[in-house]
C-alpha atoms as a PDB file:
ATOM      1  CA  MET A   1     -25.066 -11.594  34.271  1.00  0.00           C
ATOM      2  CA  VAL A   2     -22.357  -9.027  33.558  1.00  0.00           C
ATOM      3  CA  GLU A   3     -22.753  -6.993  30.417  1.00  0.00           C
ATOM      4  CA  LYS A   4     -19.836  -5.163  28.839  1.00  0.00           C
ATOM      5  CA  ARG A   5     -20.665  -1.735  27.560  1.00  0.00           C
ATOM      6  CA  MET A   6     -18.661   0.635  25.453  1.00  0.00           C
ATOM      7  CA  ALA A   7     -17.665   3.812  27.159  1.00  0.00           C
ATOM      8  CA  GLN A   8     -20.030   6.391  25.773  1.00  0.00           C
ATOM      9  CA  SER A   9     -18.619   9.640  24.563  1.00  0.00           C
ATOM     10  CA  LYS A  10     -20.411  12.952  24.857  1.00  0.00           C
ATOM     11  CA  SER A  11     -21.559  12.673  21.251  1.00  0.00           C
ATOM     12  CA  CYS A  12     -23.461   9.465  22.131  1.00  0.00           C
ATOM     13  CA  GLU A  13     -25.376  10.970  25.028  1.00  0.00           C
ATOM     14  CA  GLY A  14     -29.051  11.167  24.260  1.00  0.00           C
ATOM     15  CA  CYS A  15     -28.764   9.014  21.119  1.00  0.00           C
ATOM     16  CA  SER A  16     -31.423   6.335  20.817  1.00  0.00           C
ATOM     17  CA  GLN A  17     -28.941   4.058  18.953  1.00  0.00           C
ATOM     18  CA  ALA A  18     -26.116   4.368  21.509  1.00  0.00           C
ATOM     19  CA  HIS A  19     -26.536   0.819  22.820  1.00  0.00           C
ATOM     20  CA  GLU A  20     -26.440  -0.644  19.300  1.00  0.00           C
ATOM     21  CA  CYS A  21     -22.972   0.732  18.414  1.00  0.00           C
ATOM     22  CA  SER A  22     -21.133  -2.078  20.137  1.00  0.00           C
ATOM     23  CA  LYS A  23     -23.104  -4.667  18.177  1.00  0.00           C
ATOM     24  CA  VAL A  24     -22.305  -2.948  14.883  1.00  0.00           C
ATOM     25  CA  TYR A  25     -18.581  -2.774  15.661  1.00  0.00           C
ATOM     26  CA  GLU A  26     -18.626  -6.407  16.767  1.00  0.00           C
ATOM     27  CA  GLN A  27     -20.210  -7.443  13.468  1.00  0.00           C
ATOM     28  CA  LEU A  28     -17.704  -5.394  11.468  1.00  0.00           C
ATOM     29  CA  GLY A  29     -14.776  -6.920  13.339  1.00  0.00           C
ATOM     30  CA  GLY A  30     -16.010 -10.444  12.738  1.00  0.00           C
ATOM     31  CA  SER A  31     -16.678 -10.034   9.040  1.00  0.00           C
ATOM     32  CA  GLU A  32     -14.857 -12.311   6.664  1.00  0.00           C
ATOM     33  CA  GLY A  33     -13.219 -10.650   3.724  1.00  0.00           C
ATOM     34  CA  PRO A  34     -10.446 -11.299   1.256  1.00  0.00           C
ATOM     35  CA  PRO A  35      -6.902 -11.023   2.614  1.00  0.00           C
ATOM     36  CA  VAL A  36      -5.307  -7.708   1.719  1.00  0.00           C
ATOM     37  CA  THR A  37      -1.733  -8.400   2.773  1.00  0.00           C
ATOM     38  CA  ARG A  38      -0.504  -9.315  -0.701  1.00  0.00           C
ATOM     39  CA  ILE A  39      -2.300  -6.355  -2.253  1.00  0.00           C
ATOM     40  CA  ALA A  40      -0.790  -3.964   0.273  1.00  0.00           C
ATOM     41  CA  LEU A  41       2.703  -5.336  -0.283  1.00  0.00           C
ATOM     42  CA  VAL A  42       2.413  -4.996  -4.046  1.00  0.00           C
ATOM     43  CA  ALA A  43       0.884  -1.532  -3.830  1.00  0.00           C
ATOM     44  CA  PHE A  44       3.234   0.020  -1.289  1.00  0.00           C
ATOM     45  CA  LEU A  45       6.445  -1.937  -0.813  1.00  0.00           C
ATOM     46  CA  LEU A  46       7.120  -3.223  -4.317  1.00  0.00           C
ATOM     47  CA  PRO A  47       7.440   0.231  -5.953  1.00  0.00           C
ATOM     48  CA  ILE A  48       9.813   1.413  -3.230  1.00  0.00           C
ATOM     49  CA  LEU A  49      11.904  -1.733  -3.444  1.00  0.00           C
ATOM     50  CA  VAL A  50      12.063  -1.600  -7.251  1.00  0.00           C
ATOM     51  CA  PHE A  51      13.025   2.079  -7.162  1.00  0.00           C
ATOM     52  CA  VAL A  52      15.837   1.546  -4.649  1.00  0.00           C
ATOM     53  CA  VAL A  53      17.250  -1.463  -6.509  1.00  0.00           C
ATOM     54  CA  ALA A  54      17.002   0.325  -9.867  1.00  0.00           C
ATOM     55  CA  LEU A  55      18.639   3.441  -8.415  1.00  0.00           C
ATOM     56  CA  ALA A  56      21.552   1.414  -7.071  1.00  0.00           C
ATOM     57  CA  GLY A  57      21.904  -0.541 -10.312  1.00  0.00           C
ATOM     58  CA  SER A  58      21.688   2.552 -12.496  1.00  0.00           C
ATOM     59  CA  GLY A  59      24.230   4.385 -10.358  1.00  0.00           C
ATOM     60  CA  TRP A  60      26.617   1.454 -10.619  1.00  0.00           C
ATOM     61  CA  LEU A  61      26.178   1.170 -14.403  1.00  0.00           C
ATOM     62  CA  LEU A  62      26.628   4.906 -14.984  1.00  0.00           C
ATOM     63  CA  ARG A  63      29.701   5.207 -12.760  1.00  0.00           C
ATOM     64  CA  GLY A  64      32.312   5.195 -15.497  1.00  0.00           C
ATOM     65  CA  THR A  65      30.320   6.380 -18.491  1.00  0.00           C
ATOM     66  CA  ILE A  66      28.684   9.671 -17.456  1.00  0.00           C
ATOM     67  CA  ALA A  67      30.247  12.756 -15.855  1.00  0.00           C
ATOM     68  CA  LYS A  68      29.952  12.701 -12.055  1.00  0.00           C
ATOM     69  CA  PRO A  69      27.492  15.637 -11.660  1.00  0.00           C
ATOM     70  CA  TYR A  70      25.000  13.956 -14.015  1.00  0.00           C
ATOM     71  CA  GLN A  71      25.165  10.411 -12.624  1.00  0.00           C
ATOM     72  CA  THR A  72      22.744  10.749  -9.726  1.00  0.00           C
ATOM     73  CA  PRO A  73      19.993  12.684 -11.563  1.00  0.00           C
ATOM     74  CA  LEU A  74      20.152  10.338 -14.538  1.00  0.00           C
ATOM     75  CA  ALA A  75      20.138   7.294 -12.255  1.00  0.00           C
ATOM     76  CA  ALA A  76      17.086   8.704 -10.450  1.00  0.00           C
ATOM     77  CA  VAL A  77      15.230   9.233 -13.740  1.00  0.00           C
ATOM     78  CA  LEU A  78      16.083   5.704 -14.885  1.00  0.00           C
ATOM     79  CA  ALA A  79      14.995   4.259 -11.529  1.00  0.00           C
ATOM     80  CA  LEU A  80      11.720   6.154 -11.637  1.00  0.00           C
ATOM     81  CA  ALA A  81      11.038   4.943 -15.168  1.00  0.00           C
ATOM     82  CA  THR A  82      11.863   1.375 -14.139  1.00  0.00           C
ATOM     83  CA  ALA A  83       9.558   1.515 -11.110  1.00  0.00           C
ATOM     84  CA  ALA A  84       6.741   2.972 -13.217  1.00  0.00           C
ATOM     85  CA  GLY A  85       7.258   0.274 -15.840  1.00  0.00           C
ATOM     86  CA  VAL A  86       7.182  -2.513 -13.281  1.00  0.00           C
ATOM     87  CA  MET A  87       4.010  -1.152 -11.702  1.00  0.00           C
ATOM     88  CA  LEU A  88       2.385  -0.855 -15.127  1.00  0.00           C
ATOM     89  CA  LEU A  89       3.347  -4.457 -15.836  1.00  0.00           C
ATOM     90  CA  VAL A  90       1.889  -5.589 -12.487  1.00  0.00           C
ATOM     91  CA  ARG A  91      -1.319  -3.736 -13.267  1.00  0.00           C
ATOM     92  CA  VAL A  92      -1.655  -5.378 -16.692  1.00  0.00           C
ATOM     93  CA  VAL A  93      -0.986  -8.839 -15.248  1.00  0.00           C
ATOM     94  CA  THR A  94      -3.519  -8.425 -12.441  1.00  0.00           C
ATOM     95  CA  ARG A  95      -6.192  -7.190 -14.858  1.00  0.00           C
ATOM     96  CA  ARG A  96      -5.648 -10.204 -17.112  1.00  0.00           C
ATOM     97  CA  ARG A  97      -5.911 -12.555 -14.133  1.00  0.00           C
ATOM     98  CA  ARG A  98      -9.198 -10.965 -13.047  1.00  0.00           C
ATOM     99  CA  ARG A  99     -10.699 -11.429 -16.494  1.00  0.00           C
ATOM    100  CA  ASN A 100      -9.836 -15.140 -16.563  1.00  0.00           C
END
């Protein structure tokens, strides 16, 4: 019978648990847990997407109303406030869902 063994590093030499490491990693890899894809998308991509869309929208809305040197900084502040508001709203909604 052929047995696969993990390549042992120098830190594993002389360790009495060295042969058990592969079993632990195998158990960790096979564990069933909740999917985190949706959580990761909401946590990382949604704020960036909201900020970019709000920045473009704010820049377009401010084009004819504000002096040119102030358009971009004001649009950035509005976009940041919008992104923070959306993330606060998402947080409130997810907390309410967890309670129910």
